[in-house]
Amino acid sequence: IFVDTEGGFSVERVRQIVGSENYESVLNNIFLLKPTSFEEQKKDFVKLLGLVKKDDIGLIVVDGMAMLYRLEIGDAHNSEMMKELK
């Protein structure tokens, strides 16, 4: 499972790591989640819990776990600042 919050997942990089002969079979076994908000990321982690409980999951990679949280906090902070300016 690859959780990609920063858009960093690369098919070409997978091919480089595993070799060009069997990269497609590796790609077929990668479950890619691409949350675009902190709320969506939280929902994806709930999905992950269900997958881990029922499937044989060998690895979970989370690229940029805190990025969407920082964006949400920044948006909330900016909203508060805008309210103060009005």
PDB file of N, CA and C in Angstrom:
ATOM      1  N   ILE A   1       0.860  -1.176   0.000  1.00  0.00           N
ATOM      2  CA  ILE A   1       0.000   0.000   0.000  1.00  0.00           C
ATOM      3  C   ILE A   1       0.897   1.228   0.000  1.00  0.00           C
ATOM      4  N   PHE A   2       0.605   2.175  -0.891  1.00  0.00           N
ATOM      5  CA  PHE A   2       1.362   3.419  -0.976  1.00  0.00           C
ATOM      6  C   PHE A   2       0.376   4.574  -0.831  1.00  0.00           C
ATOM      7  N   VAL A   3       0.526   5.361   0.221  1.00  0.00           N
ATOM      8  CA  VAL A   3      -0.304   6.544   0.436  1.00  0.00           C
ATOM      9  C   VAL A   3       0.522   7.733  -0.025  1.00  0.00           C
ATOM     10  N   ASP A   4       0.074   8.367  -1.099  1.00  0.00           N
ATOM     11  CA  ASP A   4       0.848   9.423  -1.756  1.00  0.00           C
ATOM     12  C   ASP A   4       0.158  10.772  -1.590  1.00  0.00           C
ATOM     13  N   THR A   5       0.583  11.542  -0.586  1.00  0.00           N
ATOM     14  CA  THR A   5      -0.025  12.857  -0.355  1.00  0.00           C
ATOM     15  C   THR A   5       0.697  13.965  -1.104  1.00  0.00           C
ATOM     16  N   GLU A   6       1.881  13.643  -1.637  1.00  0.00           N
ATOM     17  CA  GLU A   6       2.702  14.682  -2.265  1.00  0.00           C
ATOM     18  C   GLU A   6       2.878  14.490  -3.768  1.00  0.00           C
ATOM     19  N   GLY A   7       2.226  13.485  -4.345  1.00  0.00           N
ATOM     20  CA  GLY A   7       2.346  13.244  -5.782  1.00  0.00           C
ATOM     21  C   GLY A   7       3.693  12.675  -6.187  1.00  0.00           C
ATOM     22  N   GLY A   8       4.334  11.947  -5.279  1.00  0.00           N
ATOM     23  CA  GLY A   8       5.678  11.453  -5.548  1.00  0.00           C
ATOM     24  C   GLY A   8       5.759  10.034  -6.078  1.00  0.00           C
ATOM     25  N   PHE A   9       4.617   9.338  -6.194  1.00  0.00           N
ATOM     26  CA  PHE A   9       4.663   7.958  -6.682  1.00  0.00           C
ATOM     27  C   PHE A   9       5.040   7.948  -8.150  1.00  0.00           C
ATOM     28  N   SER A  10       5.994   7.089  -8.510  1.00  0.00           N
ATOM     29  CA  SER A  10       6.483   7.048  -9.881  1.00  0.00           C
ATOM     30  C   SER A  10       6.562   5.608 -10.377  1.00  0.00           C
ATOM     31  N   VAL A  11       5.830   5.322 -11.444  1.00  0.00           N
ATOM     32  CA  VAL A  11       5.898   4.008 -12.075  1.00  0.00           C
ATOM     33  C   VAL A  11       7.316   3.754 -12.571  1.00  0.00           C
ATOM     34  N   GLU A  12       7.943   4.767 -13.114  1.00  0.00           N
ATOM     35  CA  GLU A  12       9.317   4.629 -13.609  1.00  0.00           C
ATOM     36  C   GLU A  12      10.271   4.261 -12.476  1.00  0.00           C
ATOM     37  N   ARG A  13      10.083   4.835 -11.311  1.00  0.00           N
ATOM     38  CA  ARG A  13      10.948   4.510 -10.170  1.00  0.00           C
ATOM     39  C   ARG A  13      10.735   3.064  -9.727  1.00  0.00           C
ATOM     40  N   VAL A  14       9.504   2.586  -9.759  1.00  0.00           N
ATOM     41  CA  VAL A  14       9.233   1.182  -9.445  1.00  0.00           C
ATOM     42  C   VAL A  14       9.968   0.293 -10.441  1.00  0.00           C
ATOM     43  N   ARG A  15       9.919   0.660 -11.712  1.00  0.00           N
ATOM     44  CA  ARG A  15      10.614  -0.111 -12.753  1.00  0.00           C
ATOM     45  C   ARG A  15      12.117  -0.142 -12.489  1.00  0.00           C
ATOM     46  N   GLN A  16      12.697   0.983 -12.088  1.00  0.00           N
ATOM     47  CA  GLN A  16      14.128   1.035 -11.788  1.00  0.00           C
ATOM     48  C   GLN A  16      14.483   0.135 -10.607  1.00  0.00           C
ATOM     49  N   ILE A  17      13.641   0.117  -9.596  1.00  0.00           N
ATOM     50  CA  ILE A  17      13.929  -0.647  -8.379  1.00  0.00           C
ATOM     51  C   ILE A  17      13.807  -2.150  -8.615  1.00  0.00           C
ATOM     52  N   VAL A  18      12.736  -2.585  -9.275  1.00  0.00           N
ATOM     53  CA  VAL A  18      12.482  -4.026  -9.408  1.00  0.00           C
ATOM     54  C   VAL A  18      12.963  -4.615 -10.723  1.00  0.00           C
ATOM     55  N   GLY A  19      13.345  -3.784 -11.664  1.00  0.00           N
ATOM     56  CA  GLY A  19      13.774  -4.272 -12.972  1.00  0.00           C
ATOM     57  C   GLY A  19      12.619  -4.269 -13.952  1.00  0.00           C
ATOM     58  N   SER A  20      12.951  -4.121 -15.209  1.00  0.00           N
ATOM     59  CA  SER A  20      11.909  -3.955 -16.223  1.00  0.00           C
ATOM     60  C   SER A  20      11.179  -5.251 -16.550  1.00  0.00           C
ATOM     61  N   GLU A  21      11.742  -6.404 -16.166  1.00  0.00           N
ATOM     62  CA  GLU A  21      11.104  -7.676 -16.513  1.00  0.00           C
ATOM     63  C   GLU A  21       9.838  -7.953 -15.709  1.00  0.00           C
ATOM     64  N   ASN A  22       9.861  -7.637 -14.416  1.00  0.00           N
ATOM     65  CA  ASN A  22       8.704  -8.006 -13.592  1.00  0.00           C
ATOM     66  C   ASN A  22       8.055  -6.819 -12.893  1.00  0.00           C
ATOM     67  N   TYR A  23       8.294  -5.614 -13.379  1.00  0.00           N
ATOM     68  CA  TYR A  23       7.726  -4.449 -12.693  1.00  0.00           C
ATOM     69  C   TYR A  23       6.204  -4.405 -12.795  1.00  0.00           C
ATOM     70  N   GLU A  24       5.640  -4.919 -13.883  1.00  0.00           N
ATOM     71  CA  GLU A  24       4.181  -4.888 -14.030  1.00  0.00           C
ATOM     72  C   GLU A  24       3.495  -5.754 -12.977  1.00  0.00           C
ATOM     73  N   SER A  25       4.081  -6.903 -12.652  1.00  0.00           N
ATOM     74  CA  SER A  25       3.474  -7.745 -11.615  1.00  0.00           C
ATOM     75  C   SER A  25       3.572  -7.070 -10.252  1.00  0.00           C
ATOM     76  N   VAL A  26       4.659  -6.335 -10.023  1.00  0.00           N
ATOM     77  CA  VAL A  26       4.795  -5.579  -8.774  1.00  0.00           C
ATOM     78  C   VAL A  26       3.756  -4.462  -8.739  1.00  0.00           C
ATOM     79  N   LEU A  27       3.598  -3.739  -9.850  1.00  0.00           N
ATOM     80  CA  LEU A  27       2.608  -2.656  -9.912  1.00  0.00           C
ATOM     81  C   LEU A  27       1.194  -3.178  -9.654  1.00  0.00           C
ATOM     82  N   ASN A  28       0.897  -4.372 -10.141  1.00  0.00           N
ATOM     83  CA  ASN A  28      -0.433  -4.953  -9.930  1.00  0.00           C
ATOM     84  C   ASN A  28      -0.707  -5.244  -8.463  1.00  0.00           C
ATOM     85  N   ASN A  29       0.351  -5.331  -7.662  1.00  0.00           N
ATOM     86  CA  ASN A  29       0.196  -5.612  -6.236  1.00  0.00           C
ATOM     87  C   ASN A  29       0.312  -4.368  -5.365  1.00  0.00           C
ATOM     88  N   ILE A  30       0.430  -3.200  -5.987  1.00  0.00           N
ATOM     89  CA  ILE A  30       0.502  -1.947  -5.227  1.00  0.00           C
ATOM     90  C   ILE A  30      -0.884  -1.320  -5.199  1.00  0.00           C
ATOM     91  N   PHE A  31      -1.362  -1.045  -4.000  1.00  0.00           N
ATOM     92  CA  PHE A  31      -2.636  -0.350  -3.803  1.00  0.00           C
ATOM     93  C   PHE A  31      -2.284   1.102  -3.524  1.00  0.00           C
ATOM     94  N   LEU A  32      -2.623   1.999  -4.444  1.00  0.00           N
ATOM     95  CA  LEU A  32      -2.228   3.407  -4.361  1.00  0.00           C
ATOM     96  C   LEU A  32      -3.393   4.263  -3.876  1.00  0.00           C
ATOM     97  N   LEU A  33      -3.159   5.005  -2.801  1.00  0.00           N
ATOM     98  CA  LEU A  33      -4.131   5.969  -2.283  1.00  0.00           C
ATOM     99  C   LEU A  33      -3.546   7.361  -2.459  1.00  0.00           C
ATOM    100  N   LYS A  34      -4.349   8.295  -2.988  1.00  0.00           N
ATOM    101  CA  LYS A  34      -3.870   9.657  -3.234  1.00  0.00           C
ATOM    102  C   LYS A  34      -4.813  10.679  -2.605  1.00  0.00           C
ATOM    103  N   PRO A  35      -4.787  10.794  -1.286  1.00  0.00           N
ATOM    104  CA  PRO A  35      -5.668  11.772  -0.639  1.00  0.00           C
ATOM    105  C   PRO A  35      -5.251  13.198  -0.995  1.00  0.00           C
ATOM    106  N   THR A  36      -6.241  14.076  -1.115  1.00  0.00           N
ATOM    107  CA  THR A  36      -5.949  15.470  -1.462  1.00  0.00           C
ATOM    108  C   THR A  36      -6.308  16.438  -0.342  1.00  0.00           C
ATOM    109  N   SER A  37      -6.829  15.905   0.755  1.00  0.00           N
ATOM    110  CA  SER A  37      -7.136  16.737   1.919  1.00  0.00           C
ATOM    111  C   SER A  37      -6.861  15.914   3.174  1.00  0.00           C
ATOM    112  N   PHE A  38      -6.734  16.604   4.295  1.00  0.00           N
ATOM    113  CA  PHE A  38      -6.500  15.903   5.554  1.00  0.00           C
ATOM    114  C   PHE A  38      -7.684  15.008   5.895  1.00  0.00           C
ATOM    115  N   GLU A  39      -8.890  15.475   5.622  1.00  0.00           N
ATOM    116  CA  GLU A  39     -10.097  14.680   5.880  1.00  0.00           C
ATOM    117  C   GLU A  39     -10.077  13.394   5.052  1.00  0.00           C
ATOM    118  N   GLU A  40      -9.710  13.517   3.788  1.00  0.00           N
ATOM    119  CA  GLU A  40      -9.623  12.348   2.911  1.00  0.00           C
ATOM    120  C   GLU A  40      -8.534  11.386   3.400  1.00  0.00           C
ATOM    121  N   GLN A  41      -7.431  11.936   3.879  1.00  0.00           N
ATOM    122  CA  GLN A  41      -6.349  11.103   4.403  1.00  0.00           C
ATOM    123  C   GLN A  41      -6.830  10.305   5.617  1.00  0.00           C
ATOM    124  N   LYS A  42      -7.593  10.956   6.496  1.00  0.00           N
ATOM    125  CA  LYS A  42      -8.128  10.242   7.663  1.00  0.00           C
ATOM    126  C   LYS A  42      -9.036   9.095   7.223  1.00  0.00           C
ATOM    127  N   LYS A  43      -9.876   9.335   6.219  1.00  0.00           N
ATOM    128  CA  LYS A  43     -10.762   8.286   5.706  1.00  0.00           C
ATOM    129  C   LYS A  43      -9.950   7.140   5.099  1.00  0.00           C
ATOM    130  N   ASP A  44      -8.865   7.489   4.404  1.00  0.00           N
ATOM    131  CA  ASP A  44      -8.004   6.461   3.818  1.00  0.00           C
ATOM    132  C   ASP A  44      -7.362   5.594   4.892  1.00  0.00           C
ATOM    133  N   PHE A  45      -6.987   6.189   6.025  1.00  0.00           N
ATOM    134  CA  PHE A  45      -6.398   5.395   7.099  1.00  0.00           C
ATOM    135  C   PHE A  45      -7.426   4.442   7.708  1.00  0.00           C
ATOM    136  N   VAL A  46      -8.690   4.846   7.730  1.00  0.00           N
ATOM    137  CA  VAL A  46      -9.744   3.937   8.188  1.00  0.00           C
ATOM    138  C   VAL A  46      -9.850   2.764   7.206  1.00  0.00           C
ATOM    139  N   LYS A  47      -9.787   3.061   5.890  1.00  0.00           N
ATOM    140  CA  LYS A  47      -9.793   1.999   4.875  1.00  0.00           C
ATOM    141  C   LYS A  47      -8.612   1.058   5.084  1.00  0.00           C
ATOM    142  N   LEU A  48      -7.446   1.644   5.369  1.00  0.00           N
ATOM    143  CA  LEU A  48      -6.242   0.839   5.582  1.00  0.00           C
ATOM    144  C   LEU A  48      -6.425  -0.139   6.729  1.00  0.00           C
ATOM    145  N   LEU A  49      -7.044   0.309   7.790  1.00  0.00           N
ATOM    146  CA  LEU A  49      -7.276  -0.566   8.936  1.00  0.00           C
ATOM    147  C   LEU A  49      -8.086  -1.791   8.510  1.00  0.00           C
ATOM    148  N   GLY A  50      -9.110  -1.562   7.714  1.00  0.00           N
ATOM    149  CA  GLY A  50      -9.915  -2.674   7.211  1.00  0.00           C
ATOM    150  C   GLY A  50      -9.120  -3.600   6.310  1.00  0.00           C
ATOM    151  N   LEU A  51      -8.295  -3.029   5.428  1.00  0.00           N
ATOM    152  CA  LEU A  51      -7.477  -3.846   4.531  1.00  0.00           C
ATOM    153  C   LEU A  51      -6.468  -4.685   5.299  1.00  0.00           C
ATOM    154  N   VAL A  52      -5.830  -4.076   6.283  1.00  0.00           N
ATOM    155  CA  VAL A  52      -4.817  -4.782   7.066  1.00  0.00           C
ATOM    156  C   VAL A  52      -5.447  -5.943   7.834  1.00  0.00           C
ATOM    157  N   LYS A  53      -6.671  -5.744   8.305  1.00  0.00           N
ATOM    158  CA  LYS A  53      -7.346  -6.797   9.069  1.00  0.00           C
ATOM    159  C   LYS A  53      -7.749  -7.980   8.192  1.00  0.00           C
ATOM    160  N   LYS A  54      -8.106  -7.723   6.909  1.00  0.00           N
ATOM    161  CA  LYS A  54      -8.625  -8.817   6.092  1.00  0.00           C
ATOM    162  C   LYS A  54      -7.642  -9.342   5.050  1.00  0.00           C
ATOM    163  N   ASP A  55      -6.645  -8.562   4.660  1.00  0.00           N
ATOM    164  CA  ASP A  55      -5.712  -8.978   3.612  1.00  0.00           C
ATOM    165  C   ASP A  55      -4.310  -9.169   4.172  1.00  0.00           C
ATOM    166  N   ASP A  56      -3.491  -9.838   3.383  1.00  0.00           N
ATOM    167  CA  ASP A  56      -2.090 -10.039   3.744  1.00  0.00           C
ATOM    168  C   ASP A  56      -1.293  -8.855   3.197  1.00  0.00           C
ATOM    169  N   ILE A  57      -1.102  -7.832   4.019  1.00  0.00           N
ATOM    170  CA  ILE A  57      -0.400  -6.616   3.617  1.00  0.00           C
ATOM    171  C   ILE A  57       1.053  -6.727   4.056  1.00  0.00           C
ATOM    172  N   GLY A  58       1.974  -6.574   3.099  1.00  0.00           N
ATOM    173  CA  GLY A  58       3.391  -6.704   3.415  1.00  0.00           C
ATOM    174  C   GLY A  58       4.062  -5.403   3.784  1.00  0.00           C
ATOM    175  N   LEU A  59       3.533  -4.272   3.289  1.00  0.00           N
ATOM    176  CA  LEU A  59       4.204  -2.991   3.506  1.00  0.00           C
ATOM    177  C   LEU A  59       3.211  -1.855   3.305  1.00  0.00           C
ATOM    178  N   ILE A  60       3.305  -0.843   4.156  1.00  0.00           N
ATOM    179  CA  ILE A  60       2.542   0.394   3.981  1.00  0.00           C
ATOM    180  C   ILE A  60       3.543   1.532   3.941  1.00  0.00           C
ATOM    181  N   VAL A  61       3.516   2.301   2.847  1.00  0.00           N
ATOM    182  CA  VAL A  61       4.380   3.472   2.694  1.00  0.00           C
ATOM    183  C   VAL A  61       3.484   4.701   2.719  1.00  0.00           C
ATOM    184  N   VAL A  62       3.810   5.652   3.575  1.00  0.00           N
ATOM    185  CA  VAL A  62       3.071   6.914   3.627  1.00  0.00           C
ATOM    186  C   VAL A  62       4.053   8.014   3.266  1.00  0.00           C
ATOM    187  N   ASP A  63       3.853   8.609   2.096  1.00  0.00           N
ATOM    188  CA  ASP A  63       4.732   9.675   1.623  1.00  0.00           C
ATOM    189  C   ASP A  63       4.123  11.012   2.023  1.00  0.00           C
ATOM    190  N   GLY A  64       4.708  11.630   3.018  1.00  0.00           N
ATOM    191  CA  GLY A  64       4.251  12.951   3.432  1.00  0.00           C
ATOM    192  C   GLY A  64       3.067  12.922   4.369  1.00  0.00           C
ATOM    193  N   MET A  65       3.140  12.131   5.409  1.00  0.00           N
ATOM    194  CA  MET A  65       2.009  11.974   6.321  1.00  0.00           C
ATOM    195  C   MET A  65       1.537  13.299   6.924  1.00  0.00           C
ATOM    196  N   ALA A  66       2.436  14.199   7.210  1.00  0.00           N
ATOM    197  CA  ALA A  66       2.074  15.447   7.885  1.00  0.00           C
ATOM    198  C   ALA A  66       1.724  16.582   6.928  1.00  0.00           C
ATOM    199  N   MET A  67       1.989  16.419   5.634  1.00  0.00           N
ATOM    200  CA  MET A  67       1.798  17.531   4.705  1.00  0.00           C
ATOM    201  C   MET A  67       0.354  18.040   4.677  1.00  0.00           C
ATOM    202  N   LEU A  68      -0.610  17.144   4.527  1.00  0.00           N
ATOM    203  CA  LEU A  68      -2.011  17.577   4.442  1.00  0.00           C
ATOM    204  C   LEU A  68      -2.489  18.169   5.758  1.00  0.00           C
ATOM    205  N   TYR A  69      -1.962  17.661   6.870  1.00  0.00           N
ATOM    206  CA  TYR A  69      -2.288  18.234   8.179  1.00  0.00           C
ATOM    207  C   TYR A  69      -1.769  19.665   8.265  1.00  0.00           C
ATOM    208  N   ARG A  70      -0.520  19.874   7.848  1.00  0.00           N
ATOM    209  CA  ARG A  70       0.054  21.230   7.866  1.00  0.00           C
ATOM    210  C   ARG A  70      -0.753  22.169   6.978  1.00  0.00           C
ATOM    211  N   LEU A  71      -1.174  21.684   5.816  1.00  0.00           N
ATOM    212  CA  LEU A  71      -1.989  22.518   4.926  1.00  0.00           C
ATOM    213  C   LEU A  71      -3.314  22.891   5.584  1.00  0.00           C
ATOM    214  N   GLU A  72      -3.937  21.930   6.239  1.00  0.00           N
ATOM    215  CA  GLU A  72      -5.218  22.211   6.899  1.00  0.00           C
ATOM    216  C   GLU A  72      -5.037  23.202   8.041  1.00  0.00           C
ATOM    217  N   ILE A  73      -4.010  23.017   8.835  1.00  0.00           N
ATOM    218  CA  ILE A  73      -3.736  23.942   9.938  1.00  0.00           C
ATOM    219  C   ILE A  73      -3.445  25.332   9.377  1.00  0.00           C
ATOM    220  N   GLY A  74      -2.677  25.380   8.285  1.00  0.00           N
ATOM    221  CA  GLY A  74      -2.382  26.663   7.649  1.00  0.00           C
ATOM    222  C   GLY A  74      -3.637  27.339   7.140  1.00  0.00           C
ATOM    223  N   ASP A  75      -4.540  26.557   6.519  1.00  0.00           N
ATOM    224  CA  ASP A  75      -5.805  27.110   6.025  1.00  0.00           C
ATOM    225  C   ASP A  75      -6.655  27.632   7.178  1.00  0.00           C
ATOM    226  N   ALA A  76      -6.698  26.880   8.269  1.00  0.00           N
ATOM    227  CA  ALA A  76      -7.478  27.311   9.434  1.00  0.00           C
ATOM    228  C   ALA A  76      -6.892  28.590  10.012  1.00  0.00           C
ATOM    229  N   HIS A  77      -5.569  28.641  10.076  1.00  0.00           N
ATOM    230  CA  HIS A  77      -4.894  29.836  10.596  1.00  0.00           C
ATOM    231  C   HIS A  77      -5.170  31.033   9.689  1.00  0.00           C
ATOM    232  N   ASN A  78      -5.105  30.816   8.376  1.00  0.00           N
ATOM    233  CA  ASN A  78      -5.375  31.899   7.427  1.00  0.00           C
ATOM    234  C   ASN A  78      -6.816  32.380   7.530  1.00  0.00           C
ATOM    235  N   SER A  79      -7.757  31.454   7.740  1.00  0.00           N
ATOM    236  CA  SER A  79      -9.164  31.838   7.896  1.00  0.00           C
ATOM    237  C   SER A  79      -9.360  32.701   9.131  1.00  0.00           C
ATOM    238  N   GLU A  80      -8.701  32.320  10.216  1.00  0.00           N
ATOM    239  CA  GLU A  80      -8.789  33.108  11.449  1.00  0.00           C
ATOM    240  C   GLU A  80      -8.192  34.498  11.239  1.00  0.00           C
ATOM    241  N   MET A  81      -7.083  34.563  10.525  1.00  0.00           N
ATOM    242  CA  MET A  81      -6.456  35.864  10.264  1.00  0.00           C
ATOM    243  C   MET A  81      -7.369  36.738   9.414  1.00  0.00           C
ATOM    244  N   MET A  82      -8.050  36.131   8.417  1.00  0.00           N
ATOM    245  CA  MET A  82      -8.955  36.896   7.563  1.00  0.00           C
ATOM    246  C   MET A  82     -10.130  37.440   8.376  1.00  0.00           C
ATOM    247  N   LYS A  83     -10.639  36.634   9.313  1.00  0.00           N
ATOM    248  CA  LYS A  83     -11.731  37.092  10.169  1.00  0.00           C
ATOM    249  C   LYS A  83     -11.288  38.282  11.009  1.00  0.00           C
ATOM    250  N   GLU A  84     -10.055  38.222  11.502  1.00  0.00           N
ATOM    251  CA  GLU A  84      -9.539  39.315  12.324  1.00  0.00           C
ATOM    252  C   GLU A  84      -9.358  40.585  11.504  1.00  0.00           C
ATOM    253  N   LEU A  85      -9.015  40.445  10.230  1.00  0.00           N
ATOM    254  CA  LEU A  85      -8.799  41.609   9.377  1.00  0.00           C
ATOM    255  C   LEU A  85     -10.107  42.289   8.986  1.00  0.00           C
ATOM    256  N   LYS A  86     -11.213  41.571   9.009  1.00  0.00           N
ATOM    257  CA  LYS A  86     -12.507  42.140   8.595  1.00  0.00           C
ATOM    258  C   LYS A  86     -13.055  43.064   9.608  1.00  0.00           C
TER     259      LYS A  86
END
